[in-house]
Amino acid sequence: MKFIKTFVAVAALSVLSFGSFAQSISASASTLSAAEAKIAAQAEKANASYKITSARTDNGVYMTAELTK
């Protein structure tokens, strides 16, 4: 019984830590540098760090990133 209570407590705490803050953002521009600058500006506005998850070039650049606090 004690094992089950401990397991439930650990599971609940791990869900809370993963759900704290994660947001996907995107930006488009004519160059990679300009698109990343837009992502960085959005991250700074949200007071968060960012990790670029994808970038596509096709007559311009489309970039997505994930913000984390």
C-alpha atoms as a PDB file:
ATOM      1  CA  MET A   1       0.000   0.000   0.000  1.00  0.00           C
ATOM      2  CA  LYS A   2       2.846   2.394   0.852  1.00  0.00           C
ATOM      3  CA  PHE A   3       4.419   1.670  -2.575  1.00  0.00           C
ATOM      4  CA  ILE A   4       1.216   2.641  -4.368  1.00  0.00           C
ATOM      5  CA  LYS A   5       0.954   5.935  -2.470  1.00  0.00           C
ATOM      6  CA  THR A   6       4.591   6.741  -3.231  1.00  0.00           C
ATOM      7  CA  PHE A   7       4.143   5.863  -6.896  1.00  0.00           C
ATOM      8  CA  VAL A   8       1.058   8.073  -7.204  1.00  0.00           C
ATOM      9  CA  ALA A   9       2.860  10.966  -5.499  1.00  0.00           C
ATOM     10  CA  VAL A  10       5.885  10.682  -7.816  1.00  0.00           C
ATOM     11  CA  ALA A  11       3.645  10.463 -10.889  1.00  0.00           C
ATOM     12  CA  ALA A  12       1.697  13.551  -9.851  1.00  0.00           C
ATOM     13  CA  LEU A  13       4.853  15.592  -9.205  1.00  0.00           C
ATOM     14  CA  SER A  14       6.399  14.605 -12.531  1.00  0.00           C
ATOM     15  CA  VAL A  15       3.277  15.715 -14.405  1.00  0.00           C
ATOM     16  CA  LEU A  16       3.403  19.094 -12.665  1.00  0.00           C
ATOM     17  CA  SER A  17       7.037  19.692 -13.571  1.00  0.00           C
ATOM     18  CA  PHE A  18       6.540  18.833 -17.244  1.00  0.00           C
ATOM     19  CA  GLY A  19       3.424  20.950 -17.494  1.00  0.00           C
ATOM     20  CA  SER A  20       5.010  24.062 -16.042  1.00  0.00           C
ATOM     21  CA  PHE A  21       5.576  25.930 -19.296  1.00  0.00           C
ATOM     22  CA  ALA A  22       6.106  24.913 -22.899  1.00  0.00           C
ATOM     23  CA  GLN A  23       4.891  26.900 -25.853  1.00  0.00           C
ATOM     24  CA  SER A  24       5.513  26.571 -29.567  1.00  0.00           C
ATOM     25  CA  ILE A  25       6.122  29.707 -31.601  1.00  0.00           C
ATOM     26  CA  SER A  26       6.888  30.401 -35.240  1.00  0.00           C
ATOM     27  CA  ALA A  27       8.341  33.152 -37.373  1.00  0.00           C
ATOM     28  CA  SER A  28       8.911  33.792 -41.046  1.00  0.00           C
ATOM     29  CA  ALA A  29      11.471  36.033 -42.730  1.00  0.00           C
ATOM     30  CA  SER A  30      13.671  36.245 -45.799  1.00  0.00           C
ATOM     31  CA  THR A  31      16.833  34.874 -44.084  1.00  0.00           C
ATOM     32  CA  LEU A  32      17.666  32.393 -41.331  1.00  0.00           C
ATOM     33  CA  SER A  33      19.210  35.159 -39.230  1.00  0.00           C
ATOM     34  CA  ALA A  34      16.124  37.339 -39.474  1.00  0.00           C
ATOM     35  CA  ALA A  35      13.804  34.462 -38.579  1.00  0.00           C
ATOM     36  CA  GLU A  36      15.937  33.551 -35.563  1.00  0.00           C
ATOM     37  CA  ALA A  37      15.972  37.201 -34.476  1.00  0.00           C
ATOM     38  CA  LYS A  38      12.155  37.190 -34.501  1.00  0.00           C
ATOM     39  CA  ILE A  39      12.117  33.978 -32.440  1.00  0.00           C
ATOM     40  CA  ALA A  40      14.609  35.485 -29.976  1.00  0.00           C
ATOM     41  CA  ALA A  41      12.478  38.628 -29.648  1.00  0.00           C
ATOM     42  CA  GLN A  42       9.370  36.562 -28.899  1.00  0.00           C
ATOM     43  CA  ALA A  43      11.294  34.540 -26.307  1.00  0.00           C
ATOM     44  CA  GLU A  44      12.633  37.687 -24.654  1.00  0.00           C
ATOM     45  CA  LYS A  45       9.139  39.170 -24.515  1.00  0.00           C
ATOM     46  CA  ALA A  46       7.905  35.992 -22.795  1.00  0.00           C
ATOM     47  CA  ASN A  47      10.965  35.977 -20.504  1.00  0.00           C
ATOM     48  CA  ALA A  48      11.809  32.449 -21.667  1.00  0.00           C
ATOM     49  CA  SER A  49      14.576  30.547 -23.395  1.00  0.00           C
ATOM     50  CA  TYR A  50      14.037  28.938 -26.784  1.00  0.00           C
ATOM     51  CA  LYS A  51      15.092  25.899 -28.767  1.00  0.00           C
ATOM     52  CA  ILE A  52      14.643  25.912 -32.528  1.00  0.00           C
ATOM     53  CA  THR A  53      12.767  22.789 -33.561  1.00  0.00           C
ATOM     54  CA  SER A  54      12.592  23.270 -37.330  1.00  0.00           C
ATOM     55  CA  ALA A  55      13.499  25.626 -40.136  1.00  0.00           C
ATOM     56  CA  ARG A  56      12.331  25.450 -43.739  1.00  0.00           C
ATOM     57  CA  THR A  57      13.489  27.522 -46.690  1.00  0.00           C
ATOM     58  CA  ASP A  58      11.285  27.951 -49.748  1.00  0.00           C
ATOM     59  CA  ASN A  59      11.220  31.515 -51.116  1.00  0.00           C
ATOM     60  CA  GLY A  60      11.867  32.626 -47.545  1.00  0.00           C
ATOM     61  CA  VAL A  61      12.384  31.001 -44.163  1.00  0.00           C
ATOM     62  CA  TYR A  62       9.771  29.513 -41.859  1.00  0.00           C
ATOM     63  CA  MET A  63      11.075  28.621 -38.387  1.00  0.00           C
ATOM     64  CA  THR A  64       9.448  27.059 -35.331  1.00  0.00           C
ATOM     65  CA  ALA A  65      10.769  26.944 -31.793  1.00  0.00           C
ATOM     66  CA  GLU A  66       9.747  25.841 -28.321  1.00  0.00           C
ATOM     67  CA  LEU A  67       9.811  28.293 -25.440  1.00  0.00           C
ATOM     68  CA  THR A  68      10.682  27.048 -21.959  1.00  0.00           C
ATOM     69  CA  LYS A  69      10.952  28.823 -18.629  1.00  0.00           C
END
